[in-house]
């Protein structure tokens, strides 16, 4: 054992660690970034697990009558609901850049006016394909008669990062939007909107193509991304050490 330790000590004297300041700072910065991205992916995986768990718990409860305004908004997430009212057929939103079966199109968001409330709730009536050009908007007419719908409540967890207006200066109805912003949508409607969306059940009429997903992909993909970021940090550290650990006498 003593001889083994002497051999290690002797071998260590053959090398010298001479890092330069700039590569060291750059390596530390990039390693910190890679580790932070890996931790972020781990957090996203945990969030996805929480979403799926809440969906599992909420979606099996019997449908609840949706009445506005609602309290404890988070408790309504993924609840099966039914609602009676009239569609605001004159004011509909087209959420662009939505993919269905590898084809680009829109999600049709139609306000539902509930009796006894000044607020409206958006109903996602499903997906329609993009026209031959952006100027060719789809026909998304809907009945103005009193209807009873069923669906699952979607409540955004957080507002995504976005720049500027959701409409990019567009006017007219149906109104094409790039992202969901309940405040801006309420202003366009001239009426308050509940901060939720009811995703219309596939078996309910008045809709288009519907194949709702709780999350676009599961927590496993985030775990894979986290492993990649941590592996990049380890690889960078190995390269840094191999470059800066020089054999004594090599450049003497």
C-alpha atoms as a PDB file:
ATOM      1  CA  UNK A   1       0.000   0.000   0.000  1.00  0.00           C
ATOM      2  CA  UNK A   2       2.854   2.370   0.870  1.00  0.00           C
ATOM      3  CA  UNK A   3       4.586   1.615  -2.439  1.00  0.00           C
ATOM      4  CA  UNK A   4       1.310   2.283  -4.290  1.00  0.00           C
ATOM      5  CA  UNK A   5       0.938   5.689  -2.649  1.00  0.00           C
ATOM      6  CA  UNK A   6       4.583   6.533  -3.465  1.00  0.00           C
ATOM      7  CA  UNK A   7       3.943   5.642  -7.100  1.00  0.00           C
ATOM      8  CA  UNK A   8       0.923   7.963  -7.212  1.00  0.00           C
ATOM      9  CA  UNK A   9       2.888  10.770  -5.579  1.00  0.00           C
ATOM     10  CA  UNK A  10       5.731  10.271  -8.038  1.00  0.00           C
ATOM     11  CA  UNK A  11       3.380  10.290 -10.997  1.00  0.00           C
ATOM     12  CA  UNK A  12       1.743  13.490  -9.778  1.00  0.00           C
ATOM     13  CA  UNK A  13       5.112  15.230  -9.841  1.00  0.00           C
ATOM     14  CA  UNK A  14       5.362  14.558 -13.557  1.00  0.00           C
ATOM     15  CA  UNK A  15       2.474  16.980 -14.302  1.00  0.00           C
ATOM     16  CA  UNK A  16       1.804  20.625 -13.674  1.00  0.00           C
ATOM     17  CA  UNK A  17      -1.576  22.332 -13.688  1.00  0.00           C
ATOM     18  CA  UNK A  18      -1.168  25.694 -15.451  1.00  0.00           C
ATOM     19  CA  UNK A  19      -4.562  27.079 -16.419  1.00  0.00           C
ATOM     20  CA  UNK A  20      -4.840  30.420 -18.185  1.00  0.00           C
ATOM     21  CA  UNK A  21      -7.300  32.964 -16.806  1.00  0.00           C
ATOM     22  CA  UNK A  22      -9.495  33.456 -19.890  1.00  0.00           C
ATOM     23  CA  UNK A  23     -10.073  29.719 -20.637  1.00  0.00           C
ATOM     24  CA  UNK A  24     -10.754  29.132 -16.943  1.00  0.00           C
ATOM     25  CA  UNK A  25     -13.380  31.873 -16.786  1.00  0.00           C
ATOM     26  CA  UNK A  26     -14.982  30.683 -20.032  1.00  0.00           C
ATOM     27  CA  UNK A  27     -15.030  27.062 -18.869  1.00  0.00           C
ATOM     28  CA  UNK A  28     -16.564  27.997 -15.528  1.00  0.00           C
ATOM     29  CA  UNK A  29     -19.220  30.112 -17.245  1.00  0.00           C
ATOM     30  CA  UNK A  30     -20.222  27.407 -19.731  1.00  0.00           C
ATOM     31  CA  UNK A  31     -20.174  24.669 -17.108  1.00  0.00           C
ATOM     32  CA  UNK A  32     -22.428  26.787 -14.909  1.00  0.00           C
ATOM     33  CA  UNK A  33     -24.773  27.315 -17.853  1.00  0.00           C
ATOM     34  CA  UNK A  34     -24.897  23.602 -18.731  1.00  0.00           C
ATOM     35  CA  UNK A  35     -25.569  22.597 -15.123  1.00  0.00           C
ATOM     36  CA  UNK A  36     -28.267  25.264 -14.789  1.00  0.00           C
ATOM     37  CA  UNK A  37     -29.957  24.017 -17.972  1.00  0.00           C
ATOM     38  CA  UNK A  38     -29.793  20.464 -16.669  1.00  0.00           C
ATOM     39  CA  UNK A  39     -31.410  21.491 -13.382  1.00  0.00           C
ATOM     40  CA  UNK A  40     -34.079  23.405 -15.295  1.00  0.00           C
ATOM     41  CA  UNK A  41     -34.906  20.273 -17.276  1.00  0.00           C
ATOM     42  CA  UNK A  42     -35.166  18.280 -14.043  1.00  0.00           C
ATOM     43  CA  UNK A  43     -37.602  20.891 -12.700  1.00  0.00           C
ATOM     44  CA  UNK A  44     -39.624  20.700 -15.912  1.00  0.00           C
ATOM     45  CA  UNK A  45     -39.805  16.926 -15.545  1.00  0.00           C
ATOM     46  CA  UNK A  46     -41.153  17.360 -12.020  1.00  0.00           C
ATOM     47  CA  UNK A  47     -43.710  19.887 -13.273  1.00  0.00           C
ATOM     48  CA  UNK A  48     -44.869  17.449 -15.956  1.00  0.00           C
ATOM     49  CA  UNK A  49     -45.288  14.718 -13.336  1.00  0.00           C
ATOM     50  CA  UNK A  50     -47.407  17.103 -11.252  1.00  0.00           C
ATOM     51  CA  UNK A  51     -49.533  17.991 -14.306  1.00  0.00           C
ATOM     52  CA  UNK A  52     -50.166  14.339 -15.155  1.00  0.00           C
ATOM     53  CA  UNK A  53     -50.991  13.523 -11.551  1.00  0.00           C
ATOM     54  CA  UNK A  54     -53.479  16.382 -11.307  1.00  0.00           C
ATOM     55  CA  UNK A  55     -55.045  15.348 -14.602  1.00  0.00           C
ATOM     56  CA  UNK A  56     -55.394  11.780 -13.368  1.00  0.00           C
ATOM     57  CA  UNK A  57     -57.109  12.965 -10.195  1.00  0.00           C
ATOM     58  CA  UNK A  58     -59.361  15.605 -11.758  1.00  0.00           C
ATOM     59  CA  UNK A  59     -60.421  13.970 -15.016  1.00  0.00           C
ATOM     60  CA  UNK A  60     -62.113  11.031 -13.271  1.00  0.00           C
ATOM     61  CA  UNK A  61     -64.408  13.232 -11.220  1.00  0.00           C
ATOM     62  CA  UNK A  62     -67.998  13.624 -12.476  1.00  0.00           C
ATOM     63  CA  UNK A  63     -68.675  16.668 -14.706  1.00  0.00           C
ATOM     64  CA  UNK A  64     -69.270  19.874 -12.787  1.00  0.00           C
ATOM     65  CA  UNK A  65     -71.565  22.698 -13.846  1.00  0.00           C
ATOM     66  CA  UNK A  66     -69.409  25.643 -14.865  1.00  0.00           C
ATOM     67  CA  UNK A  67     -70.622  28.915 -13.480  1.00  0.00           C
ATOM     68  CA  UNK A  68     -68.778  32.233 -13.587  1.00  0.00           C
ATOM     69  CA  UNK A  69     -66.997  33.711 -11.825  1.00  0.00           C
ATOM     70  CA  UNK A  70     -65.054  30.775 -10.366  1.00  0.00           C
ATOM     71  CA  UNK A  71     -63.008  30.701  -7.197  1.00  0.00           C
ATOM     72  CA  UNK A  72     -59.807  28.710  -6.639  1.00  0.00           C
ATOM     73  CA  UNK A  73     -58.967  28.618 -10.334  1.00  0.00           C
ATOM     74  CA  UNK A  74     -56.247  25.986  -9.941  1.00  0.00           C
ATOM     75  CA  UNK A  75     -58.804  23.527  -8.537  1.00  0.00           C
ATOM     76  CA  UNK A  76     -60.673  23.631 -11.861  1.00  0.00           C
ATOM     77  CA  UNK A  77     -57.651  22.578 -13.898  1.00  0.00           C
ATOM     78  CA  UNK A  78     -58.465  19.397 -15.920  1.00  0.00           C
ATOM     79  CA  UNK A  79     -61.976  19.193 -14.494  1.00  0.00           C
ATOM     80  CA  UNK A  80     -64.697  17.736 -16.674  1.00  0.00           C
ATOM     81  CA  UNK A  81     -67.358  20.424 -16.940  1.00  0.00           C
ATOM     82  CA  UNK A  82     -70.589  21.196 -18.701  1.00  0.00           C
ATOM     83  CA  UNK A  83     -71.809  24.677 -19.478  1.00  0.00           C
ATOM     84  CA  UNK A  84     -74.920  26.180 -21.002  1.00  0.00           C
ATOM     85  CA  UNK A  85     -74.904  29.424 -22.943  1.00  0.00           C
ATOM     86  CA  UNK A  86     -74.620  31.011 -26.370  1.00  0.00           C
ATOM     87  CA  UNK A  87     -71.554  31.229 -28.579  1.00  0.00           C
ATOM     88  CA  UNK A  88     -70.379  34.691 -29.563  1.00  0.00           C
ATOM     89  CA  UNK A  89     -70.203  33.805 -33.247  1.00  0.00           C
ATOM     90  CA  UNK A  90     -69.164  37.331 -34.259  1.00  0.00           C
ATOM     91  CA  UNK A  91     -65.947  37.319 -32.211  1.00  0.00           C
ATOM     92  CA  UNK A  92     -63.745  34.261 -32.591  1.00  0.00           C
ATOM     93  CA  UNK A  93     -59.990  33.802 -32.254  1.00  0.00           C
ATOM     94  CA  UNK A  94     -57.706  31.689 -34.428  1.00  0.00           C
ATOM     95  CA  UNK A  95     -54.645  30.519 -32.492  1.00  0.00           C
ATOM     96  CA  UNK A  96     -52.036  29.999 -35.198  1.00  0.00           C
ATOM     97  CA  UNK A  97     -49.078  27.617 -35.577  1.00  0.00           C
ATOM     98  CA  UNK A  98     -50.973  24.626 -34.181  1.00  0.00           C
ATOM     99  CA  UNK A  99     -49.896  21.206 -35.457  1.00  0.00           C
ATOM    100  CA  UNK A 100     -52.211  18.252 -36.061  1.00  0.00           C
ATOM    101  CA  UNK A 101     -51.057  15.110 -37.877  1.00  0.00           C
ATOM    102  CA  UNK A 102     -47.955  16.961 -39.112  1.00  0.00           C
ATOM    103  CA  UNK A 103     -50.075  19.712 -40.660  1.00  0.00           C
ATOM    104  CA  UNK A 104     -50.124  23.388 -39.664  1.00  0.00           C
ATOM    105  CA  UNK A 105     -53.381  25.087 -38.784  1.00  0.00           C
ATOM    106  CA  UNK A 106     -55.364  26.956 -36.140  1.00  0.00           C
ATOM    107  CA  UNK A 107     -57.179  26.205 -32.923  1.00  0.00           C
ATOM    108  CA  UNK A 108     -60.611  27.863 -33.006  1.00  0.00           C
ATOM    109  CA  UNK A 109     -61.352  29.699 -29.752  1.00  0.00           C
ATOM    110  CA  UNK A 110     -64.950  30.852 -29.411  1.00  0.00           C
ATOM    111  CA  UNK A 111     -66.292  32.843 -26.429  1.00  0.00           C
ATOM    112  CA  UNK A 112     -69.275  31.256 -24.703  1.00  0.00           C
ATOM    113  CA  UNK A 113     -71.649  33.693 -23.013  1.00  0.00           C
ATOM    114  CA  UNK A 114     -73.010  32.176 -19.825  1.00  0.00           C
ATOM    115  CA  UNK A 115     -76.336  33.455 -18.451  1.00  0.00           C
ATOM    116  CA  UNK A 116     -76.184  35.499 -15.282  1.00  0.00           C
ATOM    117  CA  UNK A 117     -72.547  36.524 -15.734  1.00  0.00           C
ATOM    118  CA  UNK A 118     -70.772  39.367 -17.457  1.00  0.00           C
ATOM    119  CA  UNK A 119     -67.790  37.106 -18.103  1.00  0.00           C
ATOM    120  CA  UNK A 120     -67.276  34.828 -21.037  1.00  0.00           C
ATOM    121  CA  UNK A 121     -65.299  31.610 -21.205  1.00  0.00           C
ATOM    122  CA  UNK A 122     -63.256  30.588 -24.213  1.00  0.00           C
ATOM    123  CA  UNK A 123     -64.151  27.257 -25.779  1.00  0.00           C
ATOM    124  CA  UNK A 124     -61.455  25.581 -27.853  1.00  0.00           C
ATOM    125  CA  UNK A 125     -63.572  23.998 -30.561  1.00  0.00           C
ATOM    126  CA  UNK A 126     -60.665  22.155 -32.144  1.00  0.00           C
ATOM    127  CA  UNK A 127     -58.229  22.352 -35.011  1.00  0.00           C
ATOM    128  CA  UNK A 128     -58.740  23.541 -38.602  1.00  0.00           C
ATOM    129  CA  UNK A 129     -56.117  23.474 -41.387  1.00  0.00           C
ATOM    130  CA  UNK A 130     -54.281  26.472 -42.745  1.00  0.00           C
ATOM    131  CA  UNK A 131     -55.637  27.792 -46.036  1.00  0.00           C
ATOM    132  CA  UNK A 132     -53.708  28.155 -49.275  1.00  0.00           C
ATOM    133  CA  UNK A 133     -52.192  31.344 -47.810  1.00  0.00           C
ATOM    134  CA  UNK A 134     -52.253  33.342 -44.586  1.00  0.00           C
ATOM    135  CA  UNK A 135     -54.828  35.656 -46.141  1.00  0.00           C
ATOM    136  CA  UNK A 136     -57.175  32.715 -46.682  1.00  0.00           C
ATOM    137  CA  UNK A 137     -58.828  32.393 -43.268  1.00  0.00           C
ATOM    138  CA  UNK A 138     -60.967  29.320 -42.556  1.00  0.00           C
ATOM    139  CA  UNK A 139     -64.729  29.514 -42.266  1.00  0.00           C
ATOM    140  CA  UNK A 140     -65.537  28.920 -38.603  1.00  0.00           C
ATOM    141  CA  UNK A 141     -69.212  29.734 -38.275  1.00  0.00           C
ATOM    142  CA  UNK A 142     -71.091  28.423 -35.258  1.00  0.00           C
ATOM    143  CA  UNK A 143     -74.688  28.295 -34.074  1.00  0.00           C
ATOM    144  CA  UNK A 144     -76.117  31.222 -32.139  1.00  0.00           C
ATOM    145  CA  UNK A 145     -78.732  29.045 -30.459  1.00  0.00           C
ATOM    146  CA  UNK A 146     -78.528  28.114 -26.814  1.00  0.00           C
ATOM    147  CA  UNK A 147     -76.223  25.126 -26.363  1.00  0.00           C
ATOM    148  CA  UNK A 148     -74.940  22.865 -23.619  1.00  0.00           C
ATOM    149  CA  UNK A 149     -71.343  21.803 -24.073  1.00  0.00           C
ATOM    150  CA  UNK A 150     -69.007  19.413 -22.300  1.00  0.00           C
ATOM    151  CA  UNK A 151     -65.250  19.649 -22.065  1.00  0.00           C
ATOM    152  CA  UNK A 152     -62.127  19.697 -19.930  1.00  0.00           C
ATOM    153  CA  UNK A 153     -60.877  22.895 -18.323  1.00  0.00           C
ATOM    154  CA  UNK A 154     -57.398  24.026 -19.274  1.00  0.00           C
ATOM    155  CA  UNK A 155     -55.810  26.616 -16.976  1.00  0.00           C
ATOM    156  CA  UNK A 156     -52.337  27.810 -18.036  1.00  0.00           C
ATOM    157  CA  UNK A 157     -49.690  27.270 -15.366  1.00  0.00           C
ATOM    158  CA  UNK A 158     -47.760  30.395 -16.294  1.00  0.00           C
ATOM    159  CA  UNK A 159     -47.669  32.962 -19.031  1.00  0.00           C
ATOM    160  CA  UNK A 160     -45.097  32.066 -21.641  1.00  0.00           C
ATOM    161  CA  UNK A 161     -42.438  34.460 -22.860  1.00  0.00           C
ATOM    162  CA  UNK A 162     -43.677  36.672 -25.688  1.00  0.00           C
ATOM    163  CA  UNK A 163     -42.818  39.933 -27.334  1.00  0.00           C
ATOM    164  CA  UNK A 164     -45.349  42.552 -28.393  1.00  0.00           C
ATOM    165  CA  UNK A 165     -49.020  42.143 -29.152  1.00  0.00           C
ATOM    166  CA  UNK A 166     -50.639  38.750 -29.625  1.00  0.00           C
ATOM    167  CA  UNK A 167     -52.198  39.971 -32.902  1.00  0.00           C
ATOM    168  CA  UNK A 168     -49.165  41.638 -34.534  1.00  0.00           C
ATOM    169  CA  UNK A 169     -51.429  44.505 -35.621  1.00  0.00           C
ATOM    170  CA  UNK A 170     -54.190  42.405 -37.178  1.00  0.00           C
ATOM    171  CA  UNK A 171     -57.814  43.491 -37.049  1.00  0.00           C
ATOM    172  CA  UNK A 172     -61.143  42.012 -38.024  1.00  0.00           C
ATOM    173  CA  UNK A 173     -62.877  38.794 -37.058  1.00  0.00           C
ATOM    174  CA  UNK A 174     -62.104  35.982 -36.762  1.00  0.00           C
ATOM    175  CA  UNK A 175     -58.973  37.431 -35.181  1.00  0.00           C
ATOM    176  CA  UNK A 176     -55.709  35.577 -35.737  1.00  0.00           C
ATOM    177  CA  UNK A 177     -53.499  35.496 -32.622  1.00  0.00           C
ATOM    178  CA  UNK A 178     -49.995  34.193 -31.975  1.00  0.00           C
ATOM    179  CA  UNK A 179     -50.435  33.305 -28.307  1.00  0.00           C
ATOM    180  CA  UNK A 180     -52.971  33.335 -25.488  1.00  0.00           C
ATOM    181  CA  UNK A 181     -53.246  36.562 -23.500  1.00  0.00           C
ATOM    182  CA  UNK A 182     -56.548  36.779 -21.642  1.00  0.00           C
ATOM    183  CA  UNK A 183     -56.127  40.477 -20.860  1.00  0.00           C
ATOM    184  CA  UNK A 184     -55.555  41.464 -24.490  1.00  0.00           C
ATOM    185  CA  UNK A 185     -58.318  39.138 -25.667  1.00  0.00           C
ATOM    186  CA  UNK A 186     -60.763  40.671 -23.181  1.00  0.00           C
ATOM    187  CA  UNK A 187     -59.857  44.130 -24.469  1.00  0.00           C
ATOM    188  CA  UNK A 188     -60.541  43.033 -28.057  1.00  0.00           C
ATOM    189  CA  UNK A 189     -63.868  41.524 -27.046  1.00  0.00           C
ATOM    190  CA  UNK A 190     -64.894  44.473 -24.939  1.00  0.00           C
ATOM    191  CA  UNK A 191     -66.005  41.987 -22.285  1.00  0.00           C
ATOM    192  CA  UNK A 192     -64.226  40.172 -19.439  1.00  0.00           C
ATOM    193  CA  UNK A 193     -62.892  36.666 -20.025  1.00  0.00           C
ATOM    194  CA  UNK A 194     -62.437  33.957 -17.440  1.00  0.00           C
ATOM    195  CA  UNK A 195     -58.717  32.999 -17.351  1.00  0.00           C
ATOM    196  CA  UNK A 196     -59.386  29.455 -18.539  1.00  0.00           C
ATOM    197  CA  UNK A 197     -60.222  27.525 -21.686  1.00  0.00           C
ATOM    198  CA  UNK A 198     -62.735  24.715 -22.054  1.00  0.00           C
ATOM    199  CA  UNK A 199     -61.432  22.115 -24.489  1.00  0.00           C
ATOM    200  CA  UNK A 200     -64.515  20.742 -26.209  1.00  0.00           C
ATOM    201  CA  UNK A 201     -65.055  17.006 -25.799  1.00  0.00           C
ATOM    202  CA  UNK A 202     -64.548  15.042 -29.038  1.00  0.00           C
ATOM    203  CA  UNK A 203     -68.094  13.681 -28.796  1.00  0.00           C
ATOM    204  CA  UNK A 204     -69.676  17.136 -28.419  1.00  0.00           C
ATOM    205  CA  UNK A 205     -70.977  18.891 -31.584  1.00  0.00           C
ATOM    206  CA  UNK A 206     -70.043  22.392 -32.783  1.00  0.00           C
ATOM    207  CA  UNK A 207     -66.346  21.542 -33.046  1.00  0.00           C
ATOM    208  CA  UNK A 208     -63.556  20.510 -35.375  1.00  0.00           C
ATOM    209  CA  UNK A 209     -60.698  18.008 -35.126  1.00  0.00           C
ATOM    210  CA  UNK A 210     -59.928  17.325 -31.459  1.00  0.00           C
ATOM    211  CA  UNK A 211     -57.204  15.128 -29.941  1.00  0.00           C
ATOM    212  CA  UNK A 212     -56.324  16.828 -26.689  1.00  0.00           C
ATOM    213  CA  UNK A 213     -53.034  16.134 -24.911  1.00  0.00           C
ATOM    214  CA  UNK A 214     -52.295  16.964 -21.296  1.00  0.00           C
ATOM    215  CA  UNK A 215     -48.678  17.698 -22.209  1.00  0.00           C
ATOM    216  CA  UNK A 216     -47.006  17.516 -25.649  1.00  0.00           C
ATOM    217  CA  UNK A 217     -44.447  15.053 -24.253  1.00  0.00           C
ATOM    218  CA  UNK A 218     -43.825  13.390 -20.922  1.00  0.00           C
ATOM    219  CA  UNK A 219     -41.239  13.922 -18.178  1.00  0.00           C
ATOM    220  CA  UNK A 220     -38.942  11.257 -19.661  1.00  0.00           C
ATOM    221  CA  UNK A 221     -37.850  13.563 -22.467  1.00  0.00           C
ATOM    222  CA  UNK A 222     -36.919  16.290 -19.979  1.00  0.00           C
ATOM    223  CA  UNK A 223     -34.854  13.745 -18.046  1.00  0.00           C
ATOM    224  CA  UNK A 224     -33.058  12.844 -21.279  1.00  0.00           C
ATOM    225  CA  UNK A 225     -32.332  16.502 -21.972  1.00  0.00           C
ATOM    226  CA  UNK A 226     -31.021  16.924 -18.414  1.00  0.00           C
ATOM    227  CA  UNK A 227     -28.614  13.999 -18.879  1.00  0.00           C
ATOM    228  CA  UNK A 228     -27.338  15.583 -22.103  1.00  0.00           C
ATOM    229  CA  UNK A 229     -26.664  18.937 -20.414  1.00  0.00           C
ATOM    230  CA  UNK A 230     -24.868  17.307 -17.473  1.00  0.00           C
ATOM    231  CA  UNK A 231     -22.833  15.168 -19.891  1.00  0.00           C
ATOM    232  CA  UNK A 232     -21.783  18.302 -21.779  1.00  0.00           C
ATOM    233  CA  UNK A 233     -20.637  19.880 -18.504  1.00  0.00           C
ATOM    234  CA  UNK A 234     -18.573  16.791 -17.650  1.00  0.00           C
ATOM    235  CA  UNK A 235     -17.084  16.661 -21.143  1.00  0.00           C
ATOM    236  CA  UNK A 236     -16.104  20.321 -20.967  1.00  0.00           C
ATOM    237  CA  UNK A 237     -14.443  19.756 -17.596  1.00  0.00           C
ATOM    238  CA  UNK A 238     -12.507  16.781 -18.950  1.00  0.00           C
ATOM    239  CA  UNK A 239     -11.285  18.796 -21.942  1.00  0.00           C
ATOM    240  CA  UNK A 240     -10.281  21.678 -19.695  1.00  0.00           C
ATOM    241  CA  UNK A 241      -8.256  19.411 -17.394  1.00  0.00           C
ATOM    242  CA  UNK A 242      -6.587  17.534 -20.245  1.00  0.00           C
ATOM    243  CA  UNK A 243      -5.527  20.774 -21.927  1.00  0.00           C
ATOM    244  CA  UNK A 244      -4.196  22.427 -18.775  1.00  0.00           C
ATOM    245  CA  UNK A 245      -2.594  19.430 -17.067  1.00  0.00           C
ATOM    246  CA  UNK A 246       0.840  19.511 -18.724  1.00  0.00           C
ATOM    247  CA  UNK A 247       3.689  17.061 -18.355  1.00  0.00           C
ATOM    248  CA  UNK A 248       6.691  18.620 -16.606  1.00  0.00           C
ATOM    249  CA  UNK A 249       9.546  19.105 -19.006  1.00  0.00           C
ATOM    250  CA  UNK A 250       7.333  18.997 -22.089  1.00  0.00           C
ATOM    251  CA  UNK A 251       7.536  22.744 -22.542  1.00  0.00           C
ATOM    252  CA  UNK A 252      10.512  23.423 -20.285  1.00  0.00           C
END
